[in-house]
Structure formats: C-alpha cells, structure tokens
C-alpha cells in the first residue's frame, strides 16, 4: 500500500516508508523536505521515471511516481 503524501512534508524516520510523488516533487531526493532534522541522513538524489519506484539506499524509503503524474 502506498501512502499519498502531496509534498512529502509528513515524512518521518520510519524505515520502509512508501510515498507517492508527483512531477512537482522532481528532482526526487531523500530525505524529503520537511523531514525532522534529527532523523536526516545525507541528501541523495534518486533517479525515477513515470510508473516506477525508487528506493533510498540510506533509509529504505520507497517513492512511486504514477504514469499520469
């Protein structure tokens, strides 16, 4: 199940958390904007294409970009 997070502003330190993103969130990076400072790892930019999922190598967050985004 993918949790819809419009601006990814409610991201937390939960491992394996899933986010549905839109083209407005590109370029995709993790940790997402709005992540609590104490739970951040170094910023990493993740390649993603429409209809695909990207996985953060640091925290395991999964990001999904729908084909119609």
Protein backbone atom coordinates (compact mmCIF):
# COMPACT_ATOMS: atom_id res chain seq x y z
CA UNK A 1 0.00 0.00 0.00
CA UNK A 2 1.32 3.43 -0.92
CA UNK A 3 0.61 6.38 1.34
CA UNK A 4 -0.16 9.56 -0.57
CA UNK A 5 1.91 12.46 0.70
CA UNK A 6 1.37 15.53 -1.51
CA UNK A 7 4.51 17.46 -0.61
CA UNK A 8 6.16 14.71 1.39
CA UNK A 9 6.01 17.10 4.33
CA UNK A 10 4.92 14.49 6.87
CA UNK A 11 7.87 12.19 6.31
CA UNK A 12 9.36 10.61 9.41
CA UNK A 13 12.23 8.34 10.32
CA UNK A 14 10.21 5.18 9.65
CA UNK A 15 12.16 2.66 7.60
CA UNK A 16 10.48 1.18 4.54
CA UNK A 17 8.03 4.08 4.34
CA UNK A 18 6.33 4.49 0.98
CA UNK A 19 5.49 7.79 -0.71
CA UNK A 20 3.53 8.55 -3.85
CA UNK A 21 5.08 11.58 -5.51
CA UNK A 22 4.16 13.85 -8.41
CA UNK A 23 6.19 15.66 -11.06
CA UNK A 24 6.18 18.70 -8.73
CA UNK A 25 8.45 16.69 -6.36
CA UNK A 26 11.16 16.25 -9.01
CA UNK A 27 14.10 16.09 -8.90
CA UNK A 28 13.48 13.39 -6.32
CA UNK A 29 15.68 13.41 -3.24
CA UNK A 30 15.73 11.76 0.15
CA UNK A 31 15.28 12.74 2.89
CA UNK A 32 12.16 14.57 1.68
CA UNK A 33 11.62 18.24 2.50
CA UNK A 34 10.06 18.64 5.92
CA UNK A 35 11.80 15.65 7.49
CA UNK A 36 12.73 16.27 11.12
CA UNK A 37 16.36 17.37 11.38
CA UNK A 38 17.29 14.68 13.92
CA UNK A 39 16.28 11.89 11.55
CA UNK A 40 18.01 13.07 8.39
CA UNK A 41 20.76 11.27 6.52
CA UNK A 42 22.91 12.83 3.76
CA UNK A 43 20.75 14.03 0.85
CA UNK A 44 20.75 11.66 -2.09
CA UNK A 45 19.08 12.29 -5.45
CA UNK A 46 17.16 9.30 -6.78
CA UNK A 47 16.50 8.56 -10.46
CA UNK A 48 12.86 7.76 -11.19
CA UNK A 49 10.62 7.52 -14.26
CA UNK A 50 6.83 7.55 -14.58
CA UNK A 51 5.32 4.27 -13.40
CA UNK A 52 8.44 3.28 -11.47
CA UNK A 53 9.58 3.06 -7.85
CA UNK A 54 12.84 4.43 -6.41
CA UNK A 55 14.45 3.13 -3.22
CA UNK A 56 16.62 5.24 -0.91
CA UNK A 57 19.87 3.37 -0.14
CA UNK A 58 20.18 5.06 3.28
CA UNK A 59 16.78 4.65 4.92
CA UNK A 60 14.76 2.34 2.69
CA UNK A 61 12.08 4.92 1.80
CA UNK A 62 10.25 3.93 -1.37
CA UNK A 63 9.00 6.57 -3.79
CA UNK A 64 6.43 5.86 -6.52
CA UNK A 65 5.79 8.18 -9.48
CA UNK A 66 2.48 7.29 -11.21
CA UNK A 67 2.38 7.28 -15.01
CA UNK A 68 -0.17 10.10 -15.02
CA UNK A 69 1.88 12.38 -12.74
